[in-house]
């Protein structure tokens, strides 16, 4: 008997279905107890990598279901450079341009609605990180997404600023003006809440991006920044990925470590704005064929 592939090992315990909206179709992996609040968890540039899967496991242990769409990259291992080269020429991701909402965000909004239906028409949470951090904004246009998280939103990335700390346009977002205005209405009316987080030392997600979010969303937005501008992580790098890499490389970190504080703040936010599914409500059976290669 052949041993299971690395991807199969990484996603052991996950169910899989295919979701199509328009001409976009991707596989979605799901795990967690029916009746727990569902979360749509979007990958970082590394893809569906070990750090993301460990984060998903922590969310499940904290009492959430997790839905992982396979949007790019190999399953179960990191491939940030290869993914970056691919996504820069991807129409689904709008070539990672400023002022444009990527077509994949429309697909993700429809997926969020599908997740709600599979769970008795309940509300859904959404977490975007780094590459997908800004996707949290157009996602709240779906009425089912009541709690959205923009973790270190980084696109468009200023390579000059990341390398030198110099450069302009650091507050740009890969979200259209129309989607920003519509999201502002959702937040103003209380239909959704948005959490945005970053590390103060991070040059991949500059401070100006959170400043831009504060300007655009004076109501319904909570922001958190962690550490000091001179902070460095356990590898000596500027900290960036709070929920994944920074958490993983600080194995024995105390509760006041930035990554642990960020995770605790995330759970508080989700539990407040994504209440538990009503008692006795059961998850609807999965629909669709096994998912394709992305």
C-alpha atoms as a PDB file:
ATOM      1  CA  UNK A   1       0.000   0.000   0.000  1.00  0.00           C
ATOM      2  CA  UNK A   2       1.344   3.405  -0.951  1.00  0.00           C
ATOM      3  CA  UNK A   3       1.868   5.825   1.964  1.00  0.00           C
ATOM      4  CA  UNK A   4      -0.413   8.879   2.043  1.00  0.00           C
ATOM      5  CA  UNK A   5       0.848  11.933   0.213  1.00  0.00           C
ATOM      6  CA  UNK A   6       2.094  14.956   2.204  1.00  0.00           C
ATOM      7  CA  UNK A   7      -1.083  16.799   1.190  1.00  0.00           C
ATOM      8  CA  UNK A   8      -3.293  13.969   2.429  1.00  0.00           C
ATOM      9  CA  UNK A   9      -1.387  13.853   5.701  1.00  0.00           C
ATOM     10  CA  UNK A  10      -1.637  17.625   6.160  1.00  0.00           C
ATOM     11  CA  UNK A  11      -5.395  17.631   5.559  1.00  0.00           C
ATOM     12  CA  UNK A  12      -6.262  14.473   7.466  1.00  0.00           C
ATOM     13  CA  UNK A  13      -9.629  14.931   9.108  1.00  0.00           C
ATOM     14  CA  UNK A  14     -10.842  17.508   6.589  1.00  0.00           C
ATOM     15  CA  UNK A  15     -13.836  16.943   4.343  1.00  0.00           C
ATOM     16  CA  UNK A  16     -13.652  18.331   0.810  1.00  0.00           C
ATOM     17  CA  UNK A  17     -16.130  19.794  -1.642  1.00  0.00           C
ATOM     18  CA  UNK A  18     -15.969  21.820  -4.821  1.00  0.00           C
ATOM     19  CA  UNK A  19     -17.555  25.245  -5.067  1.00  0.00           C
ATOM     20  CA  UNK A  20     -18.289  27.078  -8.300  1.00  0.00           C
ATOM     21  CA  UNK A  21     -19.474  30.637  -8.828  1.00  0.00           C
ATOM     22  CA  UNK A  22     -19.482  31.932 -12.389  1.00  0.00           C
ATOM     23  CA  UNK A  23     -16.425  30.576 -14.142  1.00  0.00           C
ATOM     24  CA  UNK A  24     -14.342  30.227 -10.946  1.00  0.00           C
ATOM     25  CA  UNK A  25     -14.187  26.886  -9.175  1.00  0.00           C
ATOM     26  CA  UNK A  26     -11.937  25.763  -6.323  1.00  0.00           C
ATOM     27  CA  UNK A  27     -11.784  23.008  -3.765  1.00  0.00           C
ATOM     28  CA  UNK A  28     -12.746  23.849  -0.195  1.00  0.00           C
ATOM     29  CA  UNK A  29     -11.579  21.877   2.853  1.00  0.00           C
ATOM     30  CA  UNK A  30     -13.716  21.816   5.974  1.00  0.00           C
ATOM     31  CA  UNK A  31     -13.262  20.550   9.525  1.00  0.00           C
ATOM     32  CA  UNK A  32     -14.914  21.181  12.867  1.00  0.00           C
ATOM     33  CA  UNK A  33     -17.941  20.197  14.871  1.00  0.00           C
ATOM     34  CA  UNK A  34     -21.405  20.935  13.404  1.00  0.00           C
ATOM     35  CA  UNK A  35     -23.089  23.603  15.461  1.00  0.00           C
ATOM     36  CA  UNK A  36     -19.880  25.525  16.061  1.00  0.00           C
ATOM     37  CA  UNK A  37     -19.632  28.954  14.401  1.00  0.00           C
ATOM     38  CA  UNK A  38     -18.107  28.674  10.894  1.00  0.00           C
ATOM     39  CA  UNK A  39     -15.031  30.608   9.786  1.00  0.00           C
ATOM     40  CA  UNK A  40     -13.832  31.183   6.236  1.00  0.00           C
ATOM     41  CA  UNK A  41     -10.032  31.151   6.605  1.00  0.00           C
ATOM     42  CA  UNK A  42      -8.044  32.531   3.666  1.00  0.00           C
ATOM     43  CA  UNK A  43      -4.428  31.571   2.971  1.00  0.00           C
ATOM     44  CA  UNK A  44      -1.381  33.801   3.163  1.00  0.00           C
ATOM     45  CA  UNK A  45       1.096  33.990   0.308  1.00  0.00           C
ATOM     46  CA  UNK A  46       2.661  30.738   1.535  1.00  0.00           C
ATOM     47  CA  UNK A  47      -0.592  28.936   0.645  1.00  0.00           C
ATOM     48  CA  UNK A  48      -2.256  26.073   2.522  1.00  0.00           C
ATOM     49  CA  UNK A  49       0.987  25.573   4.424  1.00  0.00           C
ATOM     50  CA  UNK A  50       1.800  24.053   7.838  1.00  0.00           C
ATOM     51  CA  UNK A  51       1.521  27.406   9.640  1.00  0.00           C
ATOM     52  CA  UNK A  52      -1.989  27.968   8.266  1.00  0.00           C
ATOM     53  CA  UNK A  53      -3.063  24.452   9.206  1.00  0.00           C
ATOM     54  CA  UNK A  54      -1.750  24.863  12.753  1.00  0.00           C
ATOM     55  CA  UNK A  55      -3.698  28.130  13.024  1.00  0.00           C
ATOM     56  CA  UNK A  56      -6.802  26.340  11.755  1.00  0.00           C
ATOM     57  CA  UNK A  57      -6.297  23.636  14.390  1.00  0.00           C
ATOM     58  CA  UNK A  58      -6.136  26.286  17.141  1.00  0.00           C
ATOM     59  CA  UNK A  59      -9.360  27.837  15.868  1.00  0.00           C
ATOM     60  CA  UNK A  60     -11.074  24.459  15.874  1.00  0.00           C
ATOM     61  CA  UNK A  61      -9.841  23.778  19.417  1.00  0.00           C
ATOM     62  CA  UNK A  62     -11.290  27.154  20.419  1.00  0.00           C
ATOM     63  CA  UNK A  63     -14.747  26.090  19.236  1.00  0.00           C
ATOM     64  CA  UNK A  64     -15.025  27.070  15.564  1.00  0.00           C
ATOM     65  CA  UNK A  65     -15.516  25.264  12.293  1.00  0.00           C
ATOM     66  CA  UNK A  66     -12.924  26.103   9.650  1.00  0.00           C
ATOM     67  CA  UNK A  67     -13.393  26.299   5.883  1.00  0.00           C
ATOM     68  CA  UNK A  68     -10.146  26.509   3.894  1.00  0.00           C
ATOM     69  CA  UNK A  69     -10.457  27.327   0.169  1.00  0.00           C
ATOM     70  CA  UNK A  70      -7.564  25.990  -1.906  1.00  0.00           C
ATOM     71  CA  UNK A  71      -6.845  29.034  -4.029  1.00  0.00           C
ATOM     72  CA  UNK A  72      -3.199  28.530  -4.999  1.00  0.00           C
ATOM     73  CA  UNK A  73       0.008  26.638  -4.274  1.00  0.00           C
ATOM     74  CA  UNK A  74       0.768  23.070  -3.198  1.00  0.00           C
ATOM     75  CA  UNK A  75      -1.132  21.602  -0.284  1.00  0.00           C
ATOM     76  CA  UNK A  76       0.735  21.110   2.964  1.00  0.00           C
ATOM     77  CA  UNK A  77       3.944  23.008   2.194  1.00  0.00           C
ATOM     78  CA  UNK A  78       5.136  26.577   1.764  1.00  0.00           C
ATOM     79  CA  UNK A  79       5.705  28.049  -1.695  1.00  0.00           C
ATOM     80  CA  UNK A  80       5.621  31.856  -1.259  1.00  0.00           C
ATOM     81  CA  UNK A  81       7.908  32.781  -4.162  1.00  0.00           C
ATOM     82  CA  UNK A  82       6.219  30.492  -6.676  1.00  0.00           C
ATOM     83  CA  UNK A  83       2.805  31.673  -5.518  1.00  0.00           C
ATOM     84  CA  UNK A  84       3.805  35.332  -5.815  1.00  0.00           C
ATOM     85  CA  UNK A  85       4.988  34.867  -9.388  1.00  0.00           C
ATOM     86  CA  UNK A  86       1.751  33.106 -10.293  1.00  0.00           C
ATOM     87  CA  UNK A  87      -0.594  35.551  -8.592  1.00  0.00           C
ATOM     88  CA  UNK A  88       1.054  38.624 -10.122  1.00  0.00           C
ATOM     89  CA  UNK A  89      -0.273  37.451 -13.501  1.00  0.00           C
ATOM     90  CA  UNK A  90      -3.555  36.015 -12.223  1.00  0.00           C
ATOM     91  CA  UNK A  91      -6.822  37.559 -13.397  1.00  0.00           C
ATOM     92  CA  UNK A  92      -8.607  36.040 -10.410  1.00  0.00           C
ATOM     93  CA  UNK A  93      -6.406  38.167  -8.159  1.00  0.00           C
ATOM     94  CA  UNK A  94      -6.531  41.270 -10.414  1.00  0.00           C
ATOM     95  CA  UNK A  95      -2.746  41.195 -10.783  1.00  0.00           C
ATOM     96  CA  UNK A  96      -2.539  42.383  -7.121  1.00  0.00           C
ATOM     97  CA  UNK A  97      -3.276  45.995  -8.109  1.00  0.00           C
ATOM     98  CA  UNK A  98      -4.260  48.933  -5.906  1.00  0.00           C
ATOM     99  CA  UNK A  99      -7.827  50.269  -6.066  1.00  0.00           C
ATOM    100  CA  UNK A 100      -9.256  47.086  -7.611  1.00  0.00           C
ATOM    101  CA  UNK A 101     -11.206  44.316  -5.887  1.00  0.00           C
ATOM    102  CA  UNK A 102      -9.998  40.986  -7.211  1.00  0.00           C
ATOM    103  CA  UNK A 103     -12.613  38.794  -8.965  1.00  0.00           C
ATOM    104  CA  UNK A 104     -11.806  36.054  -6.459  1.00  0.00           C
ATOM    105  CA  UNK A 105     -13.438  38.198  -3.745  1.00  0.00           C
ATOM    106  CA  UNK A 106     -16.800  37.840  -5.484  1.00  0.00           C
ATOM    107  CA  UNK A 107     -16.297  34.072  -5.473  1.00  0.00           C
ATOM    108  CA  UNK A 108     -15.371  34.213  -1.779  1.00  0.00           C
ATOM    109  CA  UNK A 109     -18.537  36.198  -0.964  1.00  0.00           C
ATOM    110  CA  UNK A 110     -20.625  33.519  -2.651  1.00  0.00           C
ATOM    111  CA  UNK A 111     -18.686  30.841  -0.783  1.00  0.00           C
ATOM    112  CA  UNK A 112     -19.416  32.612   2.514  1.00  0.00           C
ATOM    113  CA  UNK A 113     -23.118  32.461   1.651  1.00  0.00           C
ATOM    114  CA  UNK A 114     -22.825  28.764   0.860  1.00  0.00           C
ATOM    115  CA  UNK A 115     -21.092  28.142   4.193  1.00  0.00           C
ATOM    116  CA  UNK A 116     -23.945  29.903   5.969  1.00  0.00           C
ATOM    117  CA  UNK A 117     -26.514  27.736   4.171  1.00  0.00           C
ATOM    118  CA  UNK A 118     -24.618  24.553   5.032  1.00  0.00           C
ATOM    119  CA  UNK A 119     -24.916  25.548   8.676  1.00  0.00           C
ATOM    120  CA  UNK A 120     -28.619  26.308   8.867  1.00  0.00           C
ATOM    121  CA  UNK A 121     -28.420  29.784   7.330  1.00  0.00           C
ATOM    122  CA  UNK A 122     -26.209  31.072  10.159  1.00  0.00           C
ATOM    123  CA  UNK A 123     -23.685  33.916  10.230  1.00  0.00           C
ATOM    124  CA  UNK A 124     -20.093  33.416   9.115  1.00  0.00           C
ATOM    125  CA  UNK A 125     -16.728  34.836  10.136  1.00  0.00           C
ATOM    126  CA  UNK A 126     -13.894  35.534   7.694  1.00  0.00           C
ATOM    127  CA  UNK A 127     -10.151  35.912   8.225  1.00  0.00           C
ATOM    128  CA  UNK A 128      -7.790  37.201   5.550  1.00  0.00           C
ATOM    129  CA  UNK A 129      -4.033  37.441   6.137  1.00  0.00           C
ATOM    130  CA  UNK A 130      -1.207  39.232   4.332  1.00  0.00           C
ATOM    131  CA  UNK A 131      -1.947  38.702   0.618  1.00  0.00           C
ATOM    132  CA  UNK A 132      -5.645  38.115   1.408  1.00  0.00           C
ATOM    133  CA  UNK A 133      -5.867  40.534   4.338  1.00  0.00           C
ATOM    134  CA  UNK A 134      -7.654  43.191   2.284  1.00  0.00           C
ATOM    135  CA  UNK A 135     -10.176  40.599   1.049  1.00  0.00           C
ATOM    136  CA  UNK A 136     -11.937  40.900   4.415  1.00  0.00           C
ATOM    137  CA  UNK A 137     -13.342  44.248   3.275  1.00  0.00           C
ATOM    138  CA  UNK A 138     -15.385  43.138   0.225  1.00  0.00           C
ATOM    139  CA  UNK A 139     -16.353  39.946   2.071  1.00  0.00           C
ATOM    140  CA  UNK A 140     -18.523  41.880   4.524  1.00  0.00           C
ATOM    141  CA  UNK A 141     -20.749  42.860   1.599  1.00  0.00           C
ATOM    142  CA  UNK A 142     -22.279  39.399   2.047  1.00  0.00           C
ATOM    143  CA  UNK A 143     -24.907  39.819   4.772  1.00  0.00           C
ATOM    144  CA  UNK A 144     -23.860  36.503   6.342  1.00  0.00           C
ATOM    145  CA  UNK A 145     -20.342  37.756   7.159  1.00  0.00           C
ATOM    146  CA  UNK A 146     -20.803  39.547  10.486  1.00  0.00           C
ATOM    147  CA  UNK A 147     -17.208  39.344  11.759  1.00  0.00           C
ATOM    148  CA  UNK A 148     -14.293  39.918   9.389  1.00  0.00           C
ATOM    149  CA  UNK A 149     -10.584  40.125  10.137  1.00  0.00           C
ATOM    150  CA  UNK A 150      -7.930  41.882   8.048  1.00  0.00           C
ATOM    151  CA  UNK A 151      -4.659  40.540   9.444  1.00  0.00           C
ATOM    152  CA  UNK A 152      -1.576  42.435   8.234  1.00  0.00           C
ATOM    153  CA  UNK A 153      -3.158  43.415   4.873  1.00  0.00           C
ATOM    154  CA  UNK A 154      -0.172  43.797   2.548  1.00  0.00           C
ATOM    155  CA  UNK A 155      -1.306  44.188  -1.064  1.00  0.00           C
ATOM    156  CA  UNK A 156      -0.233  46.178  -2.956  1.00  0.00           C
ATOM    157  CA  UNK A 157       3.210  45.562  -1.493  1.00  0.00           C
ATOM    158  CA  UNK A 158       5.858  48.283  -1.611  1.00  0.00           C
ATOM    159  CA  UNK A 159       9.089  46.369  -2.139  1.00  0.00           C
ATOM    160  CA  UNK A 160      11.079  49.579  -1.678  1.00  0.00           C
ATOM    161  CA  UNK A 161       9.515  50.256   1.717  1.00  0.00           C
ATOM    162  CA  UNK A 162       9.861  46.616   2.790  1.00  0.00           C
ATOM    163  CA  UNK A 163      13.573  46.730   1.994  1.00  0.00           C
ATOM    164  CA  UNK A 164      14.518  50.265   3.038  1.00  0.00           C
ATOM    165  CA  UNK A 165      11.673  51.883   4.939  1.00  0.00           C
ATOM    166  CA  UNK A 166      11.327  54.463   2.155  1.00  0.00           C
ATOM    167  CA  UNK A 167       8.705  54.950  -0.533  1.00  0.00           C
ATOM    168  CA  UNK A 168       5.222  56.314  -1.088  1.00  0.00           C
ATOM    169  CA  UNK A 169       1.738  54.869  -1.536  1.00  0.00           C
ATOM    170  CA  UNK A 170       1.978  52.727   1.573  1.00  0.00           C
ATOM    171  CA  UNK A 171      -1.704  53.148   2.441  1.00  0.00           C
ATOM    172  CA  UNK A 172      -3.012  51.683  -0.828  1.00  0.00           C
ATOM    173  CA  UNK A 173      -5.427  48.734  -0.689  1.00  0.00           C
ATOM    174  CA  UNK A 174      -6.406  46.204  -3.326  1.00  0.00           C
ATOM    175  CA  UNK A 175     -10.077  47.083  -2.856  1.00  0.00           C
ATOM    176  CA  UNK A 176     -12.209  49.179  -5.174  1.00  0.00           C
ATOM    177  CA  UNK A 177     -13.666  52.513  -4.054  1.00  0.00           C
ATOM    178  CA  UNK A 178     -17.156  51.074  -4.641  1.00  0.00           C
ATOM    179  CA  UNK A 179     -16.524  48.119  -2.334  1.00  0.00           C
ATOM    180  CA  UNK A 180     -15.019  50.377   0.327  1.00  0.00           C
ATOM    181  CA  UNK A 181     -18.110  52.585   0.238  1.00  0.00           C
ATOM    182  CA  UNK A 182     -20.448  49.583   0.424  1.00  0.00           C
ATOM    183  CA  UNK A 183     -18.436  48.088   3.292  1.00  0.00           C
ATOM    184  CA  UNK A 184     -18.616  51.427   5.112  1.00  0.00           C
ATOM    185  CA  UNK A 185     -22.415  51.232   4.923  1.00  0.00           C
ATOM    186  CA  UNK A 186     -22.393  47.691   6.347  1.00  0.00           C
ATOM    187  CA  UNK A 187     -20.235  48.812   9.265  1.00  0.00           C
ATOM    188  CA  UNK A 188     -22.191  52.032   9.828  1.00  0.00           C
ATOM    189  CA  UNK A 189     -25.451  50.111  10.151  1.00  0.00           C
ATOM    190  CA  UNK A 190     -23.974  47.500  12.499  1.00  0.00           C
ATOM    191  CA  UNK A 191     -24.493  44.662  10.023  1.00  0.00           C
ATOM    192  CA  UNK A 192     -20.848  43.639  10.419  1.00  0.00           C
ATOM    193  CA  UNK A 193     -17.693  44.354  12.386  1.00  0.00           C
ATOM    194  CA  UNK A 194     -14.120  44.516  11.108  1.00  0.00           C
ATOM    195  CA  UNK A 195     -10.886  43.834  13.003  1.00  0.00           C
ATOM    196  CA  UNK A 196      -7.539  44.911  11.502  1.00  0.00           C
ATOM    197  CA  UNK A 197      -4.206  43.921  13.063  1.00  0.00           C
ATOM    198  CA  UNK A 198      -0.474  44.290  12.391  1.00  0.00           C
ATOM    199  CA  UNK A 199       2.908  44.326  14.103  1.00  0.00           C
ATOM    200  CA  UNK A 200       4.386  47.792  14.641  1.00  0.00           C
ATOM    201  CA  UNK A 201       7.756  46.662  13.235  1.00  0.00           C
ATOM    202  CA  UNK A 202       6.185  45.206  10.078  1.00  0.00           C
ATOM    203  CA  UNK A 203       7.240  46.769   6.764  1.00  0.00           C
ATOM    204  CA  UNK A 204       5.240  44.335   4.642  1.00  0.00           C
ATOM    205  CA  UNK A 205       2.047  45.768   6.134  1.00  0.00           C
ATOM    206  CA  UNK A 206       2.944  49.406   6.897  1.00  0.00           C
ATOM    207  CA  UNK A 207       1.202  51.473   9.560  1.00  0.00           C
ATOM    208  CA  UNK A 208      -0.338  53.585   6.796  1.00  0.00           C
ATOM    209  CA  UNK A 209      -2.597  50.706   5.727  1.00  0.00           C
ATOM    210  CA  UNK A 210      -4.298  50.649   9.121  1.00  0.00           C
ATOM    211  CA  UNK A 211      -4.439  54.439   9.078  1.00  0.00           C
ATOM    212  CA  UNK A 212      -6.237  54.229   5.735  1.00  0.00           C
ATOM    213  CA  UNK A 213      -8.717  51.757   7.205  1.00  0.00           C
ATOM    214  CA  UNK A 214      -9.387  54.072  10.148  1.00  0.00           C
ATOM    215  CA  UNK A 215     -10.088  56.929   7.750  1.00  0.00           C
ATOM    216  CA  UNK A 216     -12.413  54.846   5.574  1.00  0.00           C
ATOM    217  CA  UNK A 217     -14.255  53.120   8.430  1.00  0.00           C
ATOM    218  CA  UNK A 218     -14.820  55.446  11.400  1.00  0.00           C
ATOM    219  CA  UNK A 219     -17.588  53.122  12.649  1.00  0.00           C
ATOM    220  CA  UNK A 220     -17.460  49.357  13.159  1.00  0.00           C
ATOM    221  CA  UNK A 221     -13.676  48.976  12.860  1.00  0.00           C
ATOM    222  CA  UNK A 222     -11.376  47.784  15.637  1.00  0.00           C
ATOM    223  CA  UNK A 223      -7.602  48.017  15.119  1.00  0.00           C
ATOM    224  CA  UNK A 224      -4.794  46.417  17.085  1.00  0.00           C
ATOM    225  CA  UNK A 225      -1.039  46.908  16.694  1.00  0.00           C
ATOM    226  CA  UNK A 226       1.456  44.785  18.603  1.00  0.00           C
ATOM    227  CA  UNK A 227       5.029  45.144  19.784  1.00  0.00           C
ATOM    228  CA  UNK A 228       7.395  48.040  19.178  1.00  0.00           C
ATOM    229  CA  UNK A 229       8.837  49.437  15.958  1.00  0.00           C
ATOM    230  CA  UNK A 230      12.204  47.919  16.881  1.00  0.00           C
ATOM    231  CA  UNK A 231      10.766  44.456  17.663  1.00  0.00           C
ATOM    232  CA  UNK A 232      12.356  41.362  16.119  1.00  0.00           C
ATOM    233  CA  UNK A 233      11.084  37.799  16.282  1.00  0.00           C
ATOM    234  CA  UNK A 234      12.835  34.616  17.384  1.00  0.00           C
ATOM    235  CA  UNK A 235      14.593  34.403  14.007  1.00  0.00           C
ATOM    236  CA  UNK A 236      15.804  37.989  14.158  1.00  0.00           C
ATOM    237  CA  UNK A 237      13.342  39.150  11.481  1.00  0.00           C
ATOM    238  CA  UNK A 238      10.756  41.887  11.590  1.00  0.00           C
ATOM    239  CA  UNK A 239       7.559  40.185  12.814  1.00  0.00           C
ATOM    240  CA  UNK A 240       4.719  39.953  10.309  1.00  0.00           C
ATOM    241  CA  UNK A 241       2.386  36.929  10.343  1.00  0.00           C
ATOM    242  CA  UNK A 242       0.911  37.147  13.847  1.00  0.00           C
ATOM    243  CA  UNK A 243      -1.430  34.167  13.710  1.00  0.00           C
ATOM    244  CA  UNK A 244       0.855  31.767  11.837  1.00  0.00           C
ATOM    245  CA  UNK A 245       4.653  32.178  11.629  1.00  0.00           C
ATOM    246  CA  UNK A 246       5.066  34.397  14.691  1.00  0.00           C
ATOM    247  CA  UNK A 247       2.974  32.005  16.769  1.00  0.00           C
ATOM    248  CA  UNK A 248       4.699  28.875  15.429  1.00  0.00           C
ATOM    249  CA  UNK A 249       8.309  29.980  15.917  1.00  0.00           C
ATOM    250  CA  UNK A 250       7.662  31.095  19.523  1.00  0.00           C
ATOM    251  CA  UNK A 251       6.819  27.638  20.819  1.00  0.00           C
ATOM    252  CA  UNK A 252       7.162  28.340  24.553  1.00  0.00           C
ATOM    253  CA  UNK A 253       5.993  31.953  24.472  1.00  0.00           C
ATOM    254  CA  UNK A 254       4.161  33.372  27.526  1.00  0.00           C
ATOM    255  CA  UNK A 255       0.640  34.752  27.378  1.00  0.00           C
ATOM    256  CA  UNK A 256       1.906  38.319  26.935  1.00  0.00           C
ATOM    257  CA  UNK A 257       3.838  37.468  23.747  1.00  0.00           C
ATOM    258  CA  UNK A 258       2.527  39.489  20.797  1.00  0.00           C
ATOM    259  CA  UNK A 259       1.317  36.386  18.944  1.00  0.00           C
ATOM    260  CA  UNK A 260      -0.535  35.076  22.002  1.00  0.00           C
ATOM    261  CA  UNK A 261      -2.109  38.461  22.717  1.00  0.00           C
ATOM    262  CA  UNK A 262      -3.167  38.732  19.078  1.00  0.00           C
ATOM    263  CA  UNK A 263      -4.771  35.283  19.145  1.00  0.00           C
ATOM    264  CA  UNK A 264      -6.589  36.068  22.408  1.00  0.00           C
ATOM    265  CA  UNK A 265      -7.874  39.349  20.928  1.00  0.00           C
ATOM    266  CA  UNK A 266      -9.016  37.481  17.821  1.00  0.00           C
ATOM    267  CA  UNK A 267     -11.005  34.962  19.854  1.00  0.00           C
ATOM    268  CA  UNK A 268     -12.620  37.743  21.886  1.00  0.00           C
ATOM    269  CA  UNK A 269     -13.641  39.547  18.677  1.00  0.00           C
ATOM    270  CA  UNK A 270     -15.041  36.416  17.032  1.00  0.00           C
ATOM    271  CA  UNK A 271     -16.962  35.310  20.109  1.00  0.00           C
ATOM    272  CA  UNK A 272     -18.536  38.728  20.454  1.00  0.00           C
ATOM    273  CA  UNK A 273     -19.566  39.241  16.835  1.00  0.00           C
ATOM    274  CA  UNK A 274     -19.961  35.653  15.628  1.00  0.00           C
ATOM    275  CA  UNK A 275     -22.190  34.032  18.232  1.00  0.00           C
ATOM    276  CA  UNK A 276     -22.524  30.279  18.484  1.00  0.00           C
ATOM    277  CA  UNK A 277     -24.934  28.463  16.194  1.00  0.00           C
ATOM    278  CA  UNK A 278     -28.260  27.823  17.962  1.00  0.00           C
ATOM    279  CA  UNK A 279     -28.328  24.625  20.022  1.00  0.00           C
ATOM    280  CA  UNK A 280     -29.349  21.539  18.103  1.00  0.00           C
ATOM    281  CA  UNK A 281     -28.786  23.096  14.700  1.00  0.00           C
ATOM    282  CA  UNK A 282     -27.096  20.615  12.418  1.00  0.00           C
ATOM    283  CA  UNK A 283     -24.765  21.154   9.525  1.00  0.00           C
ATOM    284  CA  UNK A 284     -26.285  20.514   6.105  1.00  0.00           C
ATOM    285  CA  UNK A 285     -24.733  17.695   4.068  1.00  0.00           C
ATOM    286  CA  UNK A 286     -21.902  18.671   1.755  1.00  0.00           C
ATOM    287  CA  UNK A 287     -22.744  19.259  -1.873  1.00  0.00           C
ATOM    288  CA  UNK A 288     -20.597  19.107  -4.956  1.00  0.00           C
ATOM    289  CA  UNK A 289     -17.942  16.857  -6.404  1.00  0.00           C
ATOM    290  CA  UNK A 290     -14.386  16.494  -5.076  1.00  0.00           C
ATOM    291  CA  UNK A 291     -12.504  19.721  -5.697  1.00  0.00           C
ATOM    292  CA  UNK A 292     -10.219  20.317  -8.643  1.00  0.00           C
ATOM    293  CA  UNK A 293      -6.653  21.513  -8.763  1.00  0.00           C
ATOM    294  CA  UNK A 294      -6.646  25.291  -8.253  1.00  0.00           C
END
